[in-house]
Amino acid sequence: MAEGNTGGENLLFLTDEQLRKGIEAMFFAYRGFTADPDRILEGMDYGRAHHRAIHFIHRSPATTVSNLLTILGVTKQSLNRVLRTLIDDGLVEARVGREDKRERNLYLTAKGQELERQLSDAQRARMRAAYRAAGPVAVQGFRTVLEAMMDPEMRRQYQSLREGER
């Protein structure tokens, strides 16, 4: 086994201190990961909930409010507040469903697509730099750890999004 490459069996014996360091690294990494989009959104009076809604509407054009509720795991009232702002500001458009007229399908407008591009460009640049620094083995290991931390239902949603890319 190459130096620095510990097998999964050795990871079963992590100390509480090693786990604490990992937890703290996740907190600080999340701060870094969200810092760039937070700066972009700051002057617009938008927050991370707006960012997440924009991200997932972009990922799945025509997604329904119901589907977005499931993905984001927020209350209907909270999502409605976010969507109302995004729609009023011309970033998101809600169209009546073709098959079910009670459904509202969500789309980013050109203005919404531009904001999504700015937000995702900033995060992609940070991820790209981190992935390059870590290398391919670490990147795969990182994905494995993240997926293992997800609740089963969340993992299914994540995997279905990834399968939609193929």
C-alpha atoms as a PDB file:
ATOM      1  CA  MET A   1       0.000   0.000   0.000  1.00  0.00           C
ATOM      2  CA  ALA A   2       1.370   3.437  -0.944  1.00  0.00           C
ATOM      3  CA  GLU A   3       2.410   5.805   1.808  1.00  0.00           C
ATOM      4  CA  GLY A   4      -0.402   8.157   2.781  1.00  0.00           C
ATOM      5  CA  ASN A   5      -2.979   5.790   1.302  1.00  0.00           C
ATOM      6  CA  THR A   6      -4.611   4.089   4.247  1.00  0.00           C
ATOM      7  CA  GLY A   7      -7.122   1.369   3.626  1.00  0.00           C
ATOM      8  CA  GLY A   8     -10.708   1.793   4.779  1.00  0.00           C
ATOM      9  CA  GLU A   9     -10.151  -0.718   7.574  1.00  0.00           C
ATOM     10  CA  ASN A  10      -7.653   1.625   9.259  1.00  0.00           C
ATOM     11  CA  LEU A  11     -10.180   4.455   9.206  1.00  0.00           C
ATOM     12  CA  LEU A  12     -12.429   2.504  11.545  1.00  0.00           C
ATOM     13  CA  PHE A  13     -10.060   3.380  14.384  1.00  0.00           C
ATOM     14  CA  LEU A  14     -10.172   7.174  14.196  1.00  0.00           C
ATOM     15  CA  THR A  15      -9.910   8.866  17.566  1.00  0.00           C
ATOM     16  CA  ASP A  16     -12.454  11.381  18.790  1.00  0.00           C
ATOM     17  CA  GLU A  17      -9.781  14.058  18.292  1.00  0.00           C
ATOM     18  CA  GLN A  18      -9.281  13.059  14.640  1.00  0.00           C
ATOM     19  CA  LEU A  19     -13.044  13.125  14.104  1.00  0.00           C
ATOM     20  CA  ARG A  20     -13.296  16.557  15.786  1.00  0.00           C
ATOM     21  CA  LYS A  21     -10.624  17.871  13.415  1.00  0.00           C
ATOM     22  CA  GLY A  22     -12.600  16.514  10.455  1.00  0.00           C
ATOM     23  CA  ILE A  23     -15.786  18.139  11.718  1.00  0.00           C
ATOM     24  CA  GLU A  24     -14.013  21.468  12.155  1.00  0.00           C
ATOM     25  CA  ALA A  25     -12.492  21.161   8.680  1.00  0.00           C
ATOM     26  CA  MET A  26     -16.021  20.660   7.272  1.00  0.00           C
ATOM     27  CA  PHE A  27     -17.252  23.811   9.057  1.00  0.00           C
ATOM     28  CA  PHE A  28     -14.373  25.921   7.743  1.00  0.00           C
ATOM     29  CA  ALA A  29     -14.560  24.416   4.257  1.00  0.00           C
ATOM     30  CA  TYR A  30     -18.292  25.185   4.130  1.00  0.00           C
ATOM     31  CA  ARG A  31     -17.570  28.778   5.130  1.00  0.00           C
ATOM     32  CA  GLY A  32     -15.087  29.037   2.290  1.00  0.00           C
ATOM     33  CA  PHE A  33     -17.381  27.294  -0.170  1.00  0.00           C
ATOM     34  CA  THR A  34     -20.248  29.698   0.561  1.00  0.00           C
ATOM     35  CA  ALA A  35     -18.171  32.877   0.974  1.00  0.00           C
ATOM     36  CA  ASP A  36     -17.970  33.789  -2.713  1.00  0.00           C
ATOM     37  CA  PRO A  37     -21.697  33.342  -3.442  1.00  0.00           C
ATOM     38  CA  ASP A  38     -22.551  35.129  -0.163  1.00  0.00           C
ATOM     39  CA  ARG A  39     -20.553  38.169  -1.364  1.00  0.00           C
ATOM     40  CA  ILE A  40     -22.367  38.132  -4.720  1.00  0.00           C
ATOM     41  CA  LEU A  41     -25.796  37.833  -3.053  1.00  0.00           C
ATOM     42  CA  GLU A  42     -25.083  40.316  -0.260  1.00  0.00           C
ATOM     43  CA  GLY A  43     -25.989  43.451  -2.215  1.00  0.00           C
ATOM     44  CA  MET A  44     -29.151  41.836  -3.558  1.00  0.00           C
ATOM     45  CA  ASP A  45     -30.690  41.015  -0.164  1.00  0.00           C
ATOM     46  CA  TYR A  46     -30.632  37.326  -1.051  1.00  0.00           C
ATOM     47  CA  GLY A  47     -29.317  34.528   1.105  1.00  0.00           C
ATOM     48  CA  ARG A  48     -28.291  30.921   0.823  1.00  0.00           C
ATOM     49  CA  ALA A  49     -31.891  29.734   0.466  1.00  0.00           C
ATOM     50  CA  HIS A  50     -32.177  31.846  -2.689  1.00  0.00           C
ATOM     51  CA  HIS A  51     -28.886  30.413  -3.931  1.00  0.00           C
ATOM     52  CA  ARG A  52     -30.007  26.826  -3.359  1.00  0.00           C
ATOM     53  CA  ALA A  53     -33.333  27.447  -5.108  1.00  0.00           C
ATOM     54  CA  ILE A  54     -31.583  29.030  -8.100  1.00  0.00           C
ATOM     55  CA  HIS A  55     -29.079  26.164  -8.235  1.00  0.00           C
ATOM     56  CA  PHE A  56     -31.684  23.401  -8.297  1.00  0.00           C
ATOM     57  CA  ILE A  57     -34.051  25.195 -10.657  1.00  0.00           C
ATOM     58  CA  HIS A  58     -31.094  25.547 -13.024  1.00  0.00           C
ATOM     59  CA  ARG A  59     -30.189  21.863 -12.605  1.00  0.00           C
ATOM     60  CA  SER A  60     -33.748  20.731 -13.338  1.00  0.00           C
ATOM     61  CA  PRO A  61     -35.653  23.210 -15.499  1.00  0.00           C
ATOM     62  CA  ALA A  62     -39.423  22.721 -15.179  1.00  0.00           C
ATOM     63  CA  THR A  63     -39.022  21.276 -11.702  1.00  0.00           C
ATOM     64  CA  THR A  64     -42.124  21.634  -9.590  1.00  0.00           C
ATOM     65  CA  VAL A  65     -42.493  23.483  -6.318  1.00  0.00           C
ATOM     66  CA  SER A  66     -43.230  20.117  -4.710  1.00  0.00           C
ATOM     67  CA  ASN A  67     -40.002  18.601  -6.049  1.00  0.00           C
ATOM     68  CA  LEU A  68     -38.011  21.625  -4.909  1.00  0.00           C
ATOM     69  CA  LEU A  69     -39.524  21.285  -1.426  1.00  0.00           C
ATOM     70  CA  THR A  70     -38.330  17.684  -1.308  1.00  0.00           C
ATOM     71  CA  ILE A  71     -34.820  18.498  -2.520  1.00  0.00           C
ATOM     72  CA  LEU A  72     -34.289  21.493  -0.263  1.00  0.00           C
ATOM     73  CA  GLY A  73     -35.998  20.025   2.794  1.00  0.00           C
ATOM     74  CA  VAL A  74     -37.558  23.350   3.777  1.00  0.00           C
ATOM     75  CA  THR A  75     -41.083  24.309   4.737  1.00  0.00           C
ATOM     76  CA  LYS A  76     -43.569  25.330   2.080  1.00  0.00           C
ATOM     77  CA  GLN A  77     -43.878  28.743   3.723  1.00  0.00           C
ATOM     78  CA  SER A  78     -40.117  29.283   3.628  1.00  0.00           C
ATOM     79  CA  LEU A  79     -39.819  28.203  -0.013  1.00  0.00           C
ATOM     80  CA  ASN A  80     -42.815  30.323  -1.032  1.00  0.00           C
ATOM     81  CA  ARG A  81     -41.145  33.381   0.497  1.00  0.00           C
ATOM     82  CA  VAL A  82     -37.920  32.694  -1.443  1.00  0.00           C
ATOM     83  CA  LEU A  83     -39.730  31.927  -4.714  1.00  0.00           C
ATOM     84  CA  ARG A  84     -41.957  34.989  -4.423  1.00  0.00           C
ATOM     85  CA  THR A  85     -38.854  37.199  -4.175  1.00  0.00           C
ATOM     86  CA  LEU A  86     -37.107  35.475  -7.084  1.00  0.00           C
ATOM     87  CA  ILE A  87     -40.223  35.683  -9.258  1.00  0.00           C
ATOM     88  CA  ASP A  88     -40.932  39.337  -8.336  1.00  0.00           C
ATOM     89  CA  ASP A  89     -37.308  40.235  -9.145  1.00  0.00           C
ATOM     90  CA  GLY A  90     -37.518  38.551 -12.552  1.00  0.00           C
ATOM     91  CA  LEU A  91     -35.081  35.689 -11.860  1.00  0.00           C
ATOM     92  CA  VAL A  92     -37.552  32.799 -11.860  1.00  0.00           C
ATOM     93  CA  GLU A  93     -40.647  32.149 -13.897  1.00  0.00           C
ATOM     94  CA  ALA A  94     -43.462  29.843 -12.741  1.00  0.00           C
ATOM     95  CA  ARG A  95     -45.496  28.278 -15.545  1.00  0.00           C
ATOM     96  CA  VAL A  96     -48.661  26.233 -15.289  1.00  0.00           C
ATOM     97  CA  GLY A  97     -47.941  22.508 -15.681  1.00  0.00           C
ATOM     98  CA  ARG A  98     -48.749  20.965 -19.049  1.00  0.00           C
ATOM     99  CA  GLU A  99     -50.142  17.720 -17.657  1.00  0.00           C
ATOM    100  CA  ASP A 100     -51.353  18.916 -14.264  1.00  0.00           C
ATOM    101  CA  LYS A 101     -52.670  22.475 -14.332  1.00  0.00           C
ATOM    102  CA  ARG A 102     -52.350  22.673 -10.533  1.00  0.00           C
ATOM    103  CA  GLU A 103     -48.572  22.291 -10.740  1.00  0.00           C
ATOM    104  CA  ARG A 104     -46.189  25.174 -11.218  1.00  0.00           C
ATOM    105  CA  ASN A 105     -43.068  24.422 -13.231  1.00  0.00           C
ATOM    106  CA  LEU A 106     -40.098  26.615 -12.368  1.00  0.00           C
ATOM    107  CA  TYR A 107     -37.597  28.048 -14.845  1.00  0.00           C
ATOM    108  CA  LEU A 108     -34.771  30.548 -14.571  1.00  0.00           C
ATOM    109  CA  THR A 109     -35.192  33.641 -16.697  1.00  0.00           C
ATOM    110  CA  ALA A 110     -32.204  35.047 -18.620  1.00  0.00           C
ATOM    111  CA  LYS A 111     -31.495  37.263 -15.610  1.00  0.00           C
ATOM    112  CA  GLY A 112     -31.716  34.227 -13.304  1.00  0.00           C
ATOM    113  CA  GLN A 113     -29.404  32.225 -15.554  1.00  0.00           C
ATOM    114  CA  GLU A 114     -26.823  35.004 -15.428  1.00  0.00           C
ATOM    115  CA  LEU A 115     -26.923  35.108 -11.615  1.00  0.00           C
ATOM    116  CA  GLU A 116     -26.689  31.313 -11.452  1.00  0.00           C
ATOM    117  CA  ARG A 117     -23.641  31.423 -13.724  1.00  0.00           C
ATOM    118  CA  GLN A 118     -21.899  33.970 -11.489  1.00  0.00           C
ATOM    119  CA  LEU A 119     -22.629  31.931  -8.366  1.00  0.00           C
ATOM    120  CA  SER A 120     -21.629  28.585  -9.832  1.00  0.00           C
ATOM    121  CA  ASP A 121     -18.506  29.993 -11.545  1.00  0.00           C
ATOM    122  CA  ALA A 122     -17.245  31.162  -8.159  1.00  0.00           C
ATOM    123  CA  GLN A 123     -17.888  27.788  -6.531  1.00  0.00           C
ATOM    124  CA  ARG A 124     -16.515  25.796  -9.461  1.00  0.00           C
ATOM    125  CA  ALA A 125     -13.279  27.803  -9.335  1.00  0.00           C
ATOM    126  CA  ARG A 126     -12.879  27.010  -5.635  1.00  0.00           C
ATOM    127  CA  MET A 127     -13.716  23.306  -6.132  1.00  0.00           C
ATOM    128  CA  ARG A 128     -11.438  23.022  -9.169  1.00  0.00           C
ATOM    129  CA  ALA A 129      -8.484  24.480  -7.223  1.00  0.00           C
ATOM    130  CA  ALA A 130      -9.134  22.192  -4.249  1.00  0.00           C
ATOM    131  CA  TYR A 131      -9.524  19.105  -6.441  1.00  0.00           C
ATOM    132  CA  ARG A 132      -6.304  19.891  -8.313  1.00  0.00           C
ATOM    133  CA  ALA A 133      -4.432  20.334  -5.039  1.00  0.00           C
ATOM    134  CA  ALA A 134      -5.816  17.072  -3.605  1.00  0.00           C
ATOM    135  CA  GLY A 135      -5.505  14.825  -6.653  1.00  0.00           C
ATOM    136  CA  PRO A 136      -7.875  12.258  -8.186  1.00  0.00           C
ATOM    137  CA  VAL A 137      -7.657   9.626  -5.436  1.00  0.00           C
ATOM    138  CA  ALA A 138      -8.509  12.192  -2.765  1.00  0.00           C
ATOM    139  CA  VAL A 139     -11.342  13.592  -4.906  1.00  0.00           C
ATOM    140  CA  GLN A 140     -12.941  10.149  -5.199  1.00  0.00           C
ATOM    141  CA  GLY A 141     -12.437   9.554  -1.488  1.00  0.00           C
ATOM    142  CA  PHE A 142     -14.010  12.915  -0.687  1.00  0.00           C
ATOM    143  CA  ARG A 143     -17.093  12.078  -2.784  1.00  0.00           C
ATOM    144  CA  THR A 144     -17.351   8.702  -1.078  1.00  0.00           C
ATOM    145  CA  VAL A 145     -17.218  10.337   2.365  1.00  0.00           C
ATOM    146  CA  LEU A 146     -19.829  12.947   1.430  1.00  0.00           C
ATOM    147  CA  GLU A 147     -22.201  10.313   0.038  1.00  0.00           C
ATOM    148  CA  ALA A 148     -21.718   8.135   3.129  1.00  0.00           C
ATOM    149  CA  MET A 149     -22.680  11.100   5.348  1.00  0.00           C
ATOM    150  CA  MET A 150     -25.994  11.639   3.536  1.00  0.00           C
ATOM    151  CA  ASP A 151     -29.214  10.266   4.951  1.00  0.00           C
ATOM    152  CA  PRO A 152     -30.498   7.414   2.736  1.00  0.00           C
ATOM    153  CA  GLU A 153     -33.323   9.495   1.207  1.00  0.00           C
ATOM    154  CA  MET A 154     -30.965  12.389   0.506  1.00  0.00           C
ATOM    155  CA  ARG A 155     -28.473   9.999  -1.107  1.00  0.00           C
ATOM    156  CA  ARG A 156     -31.246   8.671  -3.382  1.00  0.00           C
ATOM    157  CA  GLN A 157     -32.139  12.219  -4.439  1.00  0.00           C
ATOM    158  CA  TYR A 158     -28.481  13.034  -5.057  1.00  0.00           C
ATOM    159  CA  GLN A 159     -27.969   9.871  -7.088  1.00  0.00           C
ATOM    160  CA  SER A 160     -31.084  10.517  -9.158  1.00  0.00           C
ATOM    161  CA  LEU A 161     -29.771  13.995  -9.996  1.00  0.00           C
ATOM    162  CA  ARG A 162     -26.444  12.479 -11.061  1.00  0.00           C
ATOM    163  CA  GLU A 163     -28.202   9.818 -13.157  1.00  0.00           C
ATOM    164  CA  GLY A 164     -30.119  12.597 -14.925  1.00  0.00           C
ATOM    165  CA  GLU A 165     -26.763  13.914 -16.188  1.00  0.00           C
ATOM    166  CA  ARG A 166     -26.054  10.756 -18.150  1.00  0.00           C
END
